[in-house]
C-alpha atoms as a PDB file:
ATOM      1  CA  MET A   1     108.723 145.266  34.050  1.00  0.00           C
ATOM      2  CA  LYS A   2     112.513 145.413  33.826  1.00  0.00           C
ATOM      3  CA  THR A   3     114.593 144.968  30.700  1.00  0.00           C
ATOM      4  CA  PHE A   4     116.535 141.707  30.743  1.00  0.00           C
ATOM      5  CA  LEU A   5     120.284 142.012  30.131  1.00  0.00           C
ATOM      6  CA  PRO A   6     122.216 138.741  29.983  1.00  0.00           C
ATOM      7  CA  SER A   7     125.302 138.383  32.141  1.00  0.00           C
ATOM      8  CA  GLU A   8     128.239 136.045  31.531  1.00  0.00           C
ATOM      9  CA  LYS A   9     126.578 133.268  33.559  1.00  0.00           C
ATOM     10  CA  ASP A  10     123.431 133.483  31.391  1.00  0.00           C
ATOM     11  CA  ILE A  11     125.328 132.991  28.122  1.00  0.00           C
ATOM     12  CA  LYS A  12     125.723 129.360  27.086  1.00  0.00           C
ATOM     13  CA  ARG A  13     128.134 128.977  24.168  1.00  0.00           C
ATOM     14  CA  ASN A  14     127.513 125.968  21.945  1.00  0.00           C
ATOM     15  CA  TRP A  15     130.006 124.463  19.518  1.00  0.00           C
ATOM     16  CA  TRP A  16     128.702 123.925  15.964  1.00  0.00           C
ATOM     17  CA  LEU A  17     130.324 121.853  13.217  1.00  0.00           C
ATOM     18  CA  VAL A  18     129.622 123.005   9.658  1.00  0.00           C
ATOM     19  CA  ASP A  19     130.622 121.061   6.549  1.00  0.00           C
ATOM     20  CA  ALA A  20     131.300 123.551   3.731  1.00  0.00           C
ATOM     21  CA  GLU A  21     131.413 120.923   0.978  1.00  0.00           C
ATOM     22  CA  GLY A  22     129.385 122.084  -2.018  1.00  0.00           C
ATOM     23  CA  LEU A  23     127.977 125.192  -0.295  1.00  0.00           C
ATOM     24  CA  GLU A  24     128.050 128.677  -1.796  1.00  0.00           C
ATOM     25  CA  LEU A  25     130.504 131.013  -0.077  1.00  0.00           C
ATOM     26  CA  GLY A  26     128.260 134.030   0.526  1.00  0.00           C
ATOM     27  CA  ARG A  27     125.299 132.071   1.864  1.00  0.00           C
ATOM     28  CA  LEU A  28     127.577 130.023   4.108  1.00  0.00           C
ATOM     29  CA  ALA A  29     129.333 133.128   5.451  1.00  0.00           C
ATOM     30  CA  SER A  30     126.120 135.006   6.247  1.00  0.00           C
ATOM     31  CA  ARG A  31     124.723 132.096   8.246  1.00  0.00           C
ATOM     32  CA  ILE A  32     128.011 131.605  10.116  1.00  0.00           C
ATOM     33  CA  ALA A  33     127.998 135.325  10.974  1.00  0.00           C
ATOM     34  CA  LEU A  34     124.513 134.916  12.493  1.00  0.00           C
ATOM     35  CA  LEU A  35     125.779 132.100  14.729  1.00  0.00           C
ATOM     36  CA  LEU A  36     128.890 134.020  15.804  1.00  0.00           C
ATOM     37  CA  GLN A  37     126.798 137.059  16.739  1.00  0.00           C
ATOM     38  CA  GLY A  38     124.207 134.993  18.622  1.00  0.00           C
ATOM     39  CA  LYS A  39     121.294 136.449  16.646  1.00  0.00           C
ATOM     40  CA  ARG A  40     119.439 133.124  16.723  1.00  0.00           C
ATOM     41  CA  LYS A  41     119.268 133.116  20.532  1.00  0.00           C
ATOM     42  CA  ARG A  42     116.478 134.491  22.698  1.00  0.00           C
ATOM     43  CA  ILE A  43     118.973 136.393  24.837  1.00  0.00           C
ATOM     44  CA  TYR A  44     120.528 138.269  21.880  1.00  0.00           C
ATOM     45  CA  THR A  45     121.566 141.801  22.782  1.00  0.00           C
ATOM     46  CA  PRO A  46     123.443 143.913  20.206  1.00  0.00           C
ATOM     47  CA  HIS A  47     126.057 145.295  22.589  1.00  0.00           C
ATOM     48  CA  ILE A  48     126.775 141.983  24.402  1.00  0.00           C
ATOM     49  CA  ASP A  49     128.618 139.033  22.877  1.00  0.00           C
ATOM     50  CA  THR A  50     126.139 136.124  23.047  1.00  0.00           C
ATOM     51  CA  GLY A  51     127.403 134.069  20.081  1.00  0.00           C
ATOM     52  CA  ASP A  52     128.585 130.482  19.688  1.00  0.00           C
ATOM     53  CA  PHE A  53     131.745 128.767  18.459  1.00  0.00           C
ATOM     54  CA  VAL A  54     131.698 127.594  14.834  1.00  0.00           C
ATOM     55  CA  VAL A  55     134.045 124.966  13.371  1.00  0.00           C
ATOM     56  CA  VAL A  56     134.047 124.819   9.551  1.00  0.00           C
ATOM     57  CA  VAL A  57     135.545 121.794   7.787  1.00  0.00           C
ATOM     58  CA  ASN A  58     136.173 121.057   4.081  1.00  0.00           C
ATOM     59  CA  ALA A  59     136.896 124.704   3.269  1.00  0.00           C
ATOM     60  CA  GLU A  60     138.622 123.656   0.049  1.00  0.00           C
ATOM     61  CA  LYS A  61     135.318 122.349  -1.349  1.00  0.00           C
ATOM     62  CA  VAL A  62     133.347 125.595  -1.045  1.00  0.00           C
ATOM     63  CA  LYS A  63     131.693 126.901  -4.251  1.00  0.00           C
ATOM     64  CA  LEU A  64     131.675 130.304  -5.856  1.00  0.00           C
ATOM     65  CA  THR A  65     128.940 130.905  -8.425  1.00  0.00           C
ATOM     66  CA  GLY A  66     129.361 132.371 -11.872  1.00  0.00           C
ATOM     67  CA  ARG A  67     132.822 133.600 -12.838  1.00  0.00           C
ATOM     68  CA  LYS A  68     133.745 134.793  -9.338  1.00  0.00           C
ATOM     69  CA  LEU A  69     136.723 132.418  -9.092  1.00  0.00           C
ATOM     70  CA  ASP A  70     138.515 134.456 -11.749  1.00  0.00           C
ATOM     71  CA  THR A  71     136.914 137.902 -11.464  1.00  0.00           C
ATOM     72  CA  LYS A  72     136.670 138.402  -7.676  1.00  0.00           C
ATOM     73  CA  ILE A  73     139.865 140.087  -6.531  1.00  0.00           C
ATOM     74  CA  TYR A  74     141.116 140.386  -2.954  1.00  0.00           C
ATOM     75  CA  TYR A  75     143.441 143.308  -2.226  1.00  0.00           C
ATOM     76  CA  HIS A  76     145.873 143.940   0.600  1.00  0.00           C
ATOM     77  CA  HIS A  77     148.539 146.581   1.082  1.00  0.00           C
ATOM     78  CA  SER A  78     151.975 146.150   2.622  1.00  0.00           C
ATOM     79  CA  GLY A  79     152.063 149.737   3.898  1.00  0.00           C
ATOM     80  CA  TYR A  80     154.881 150.748   1.572  1.00  0.00           C
ATOM     81  CA  PRO A  81     154.569 152.810  -1.617  1.00  0.00           C
ATOM     82  CA  GLY A  82     153.599 150.534  -4.481  1.00  0.00           C
ATOM     83  CA  GLY A  83     152.725 147.776  -2.011  1.00  0.00           C
ATOM     84  CA  LEU A  84     149.198 147.016  -3.244  1.00  0.00           C
ATOM     85  CA  LYS A  85     148.842 143.272  -3.807  1.00  0.00           C
ATOM     86  CA  ALA A  86     145.940 141.616  -5.618  1.00  0.00           C
ATOM     87  CA  ARG A  87     144.972 137.939  -5.744  1.00  0.00           C
ATOM     88  CA  THR A  88     141.970 136.276  -7.348  1.00  0.00           C
ATOM     89  CA  ALA A  89     139.616 134.003  -5.449  1.00  0.00           C
ATOM     90  CA  ARG A  90     141.008 131.016  -7.391  1.00  0.00           C
ATOM     91  CA  GLN A  91     144.568 131.743  -6.212  1.00  0.00           C
ATOM     92  CA  ILE A  92     143.447 132.020  -2.583  1.00  0.00           C
ATOM     93  CA  LEU A  93     141.303 128.865  -2.843  1.00  0.00           C
ATOM     94  CA  GLU A  94     144.268 126.870  -4.153  1.00  0.00           C
ATOM     95  CA  SER A  95     146.803 128.079  -1.575  1.00  0.00           C
ATOM     96  CA  HIS A  96     144.786 128.912   1.582  1.00  0.00           C
ATOM     97  CA  PRO A  97     141.089 127.954   1.200  1.00  0.00           C
ATOM     98  CA  GLU A  98     140.358 128.661   4.862  1.00  0.00           C
ATOM     99  CA  ARG A  99     141.189 132.357   4.326  1.00  0.00           C
ATOM    100  CA  LEU A 100     138.441 132.679   1.731  1.00  0.00           C
ATOM    101  CA  ILE A 101     135.779 131.730   4.303  1.00  0.00           C
ATOM    102  CA  GLN A 102     137.433 133.774   7.049  1.00  0.00           C
ATOM    103  CA  LEU A 103     137.476 136.929   4.903  1.00  0.00           C
ATOM    104  CA  ALA A 104     133.836 136.504   3.873  1.00  0.00           C
ATOM    105  CA  VAL A 105     132.670 136.012   7.467  1.00  0.00           C
ATOM    106  CA  LYS A 106     134.886 138.761   8.919  1.00  0.00           C
ATOM    107  CA  ARG A 107     133.427 141.319   6.528  1.00  0.00           C
ATOM    108  CA  MET A 108     129.887 140.395   7.682  1.00  0.00           C
ATOM    109  CA  LEU A 109     130.612 140.955  11.378  1.00  0.00           C
ATOM    110  CA  PRO A 110     130.508 144.336  13.168  1.00  0.00           C
ATOM    111  CA  LYS A 111     133.555 146.513  12.573  1.00  0.00           C
ATOM    112  CA  ASN A 112     134.470 147.092  16.246  1.00  0.00           C
ATOM    113  CA  LYS A 113     135.940 145.343  19.306  1.00  0.00           C
ATOM    114  CA  LEU A 114     132.897 143.127  19.613  1.00  0.00           C
ATOM    115  CA  GLY A 115     133.232 141.941  16.004  1.00  0.00           C
ATOM    116  CA  ARG A 116     136.899 141.097  16.522  1.00  0.00           C
ATOM    117  CA  LYS A 117     135.992 139.104  19.625  1.00  0.00           C
ATOM    118  CA  MET A 118     133.302 137.208  17.692  1.00  0.00           C
ATOM    119  CA  PHE A 119     135.695 136.432  14.857  1.00  0.00           C
ATOM    120  CA  LYS A 120     138.084 134.651  17.243  1.00  0.00           C
ATOM    121  CA  ARG A 121     135.421 131.987  17.807  1.00  0.00           C
ATOM    122  CA  LEU A 122     135.480 130.952  14.131  1.00  0.00           C
ATOM    123  CA  LYS A 123     137.694 127.930  13.392  1.00  0.00           C
ATOM    124  CA  VAL A 124     138.151 127.001   9.709  1.00  0.00           C
ATOM    125  CA  TYR A 125     139.982 123.910   8.413  1.00  0.00           C
ATOM    126  CA  ARG A 126     140.943 122.867   4.900  1.00  0.00           C
ATOM    127  CA  GLY A 127     139.977 119.200   5.156  1.00  0.00           C
ATOM    128  CA  PRO A 128     137.527 117.083   7.170  1.00  0.00           C
ATOM    129  CA  GLU A 129     139.727 116.790  10.301  1.00  0.00           C
ATOM    130  CA  HIS A 130     139.714 119.299  13.162  1.00  0.00           C
ATOM    131  CA  PRO A 131     141.278 119.352  16.668  1.00  0.00           C
ATOM    132  CA  HIS A 132     138.063 120.275  18.528  1.00  0.00           C
ATOM    133  CA  GLU A 133     136.633 116.816  19.248  1.00  0.00           C
ATOM    134  CA  ALA A 134     136.944 117.399  23.004  1.00  0.00           C
ATOM    135  CA  GLN A 135     134.377 120.224  22.779  1.00  0.00           C
ATOM    136  CA  LYS A 136     131.877 117.814  21.149  1.00  0.00           C
ATOM    137  CA  PRO A 137     130.653 120.150  18.385  1.00  0.00           C
ATOM    138  CA  GLN A 138     127.127 119.421  17.151  1.00  0.00           C
ATOM    139  CA  GLU A 139     126.737 118.963  13.411  1.00  0.00           C
ATOM    140  CA  LEU A 140     124.578 121.650  11.877  1.00  0.00           C
ATOM    141  CA  ASP A 141     122.909 121.865   8.478  1.00  0.00           C
ATOM    142  CA  ILE A 142     123.753 125.511   7.966  1.00  0.00           C
ATOM    143  CA  MET A 143     121.404 125.923   5.004  1.00  0.00           C
ATOM    144  CA  LYS A 144     118.345 125.362   7.237  1.00  0.00           C
ATOM    145  CA  ILE A 145     119.162 128.546   9.173  1.00  0.00           C
ATOM    146  CA  ASN A 146     117.521 131.649   7.785  1.00  0.00           C
END
């Protein structure tokens, strides 16, 4: 019996539409990461990219539980001395809500070339409109995925 390894012609990439309205950020991000990695498919192989495309709408209506809006801090550094910048989750949610979901999902993907390739298939939009109607994304109740 030979081990099956999927090739590019074996991988069928679906487009999923996820509505983030009222969903908790961490739970949403972990389930999106599963879809991007392809872990829900029979042909999943850790070293081959078998994941799907995910379109997330209503990013501005995502929830954070407890006091995370004010206590969760996101850092980035400019590369210059004294260039450490810090913003709370509330500040990011008000200015760029799509970045909040992108950061959560990106940190749940593998930290290598494969993870960066998977991350490019995530499309996040602030409101309910998105430009991917031609791909006919299927609506998905993300909370039913475990």
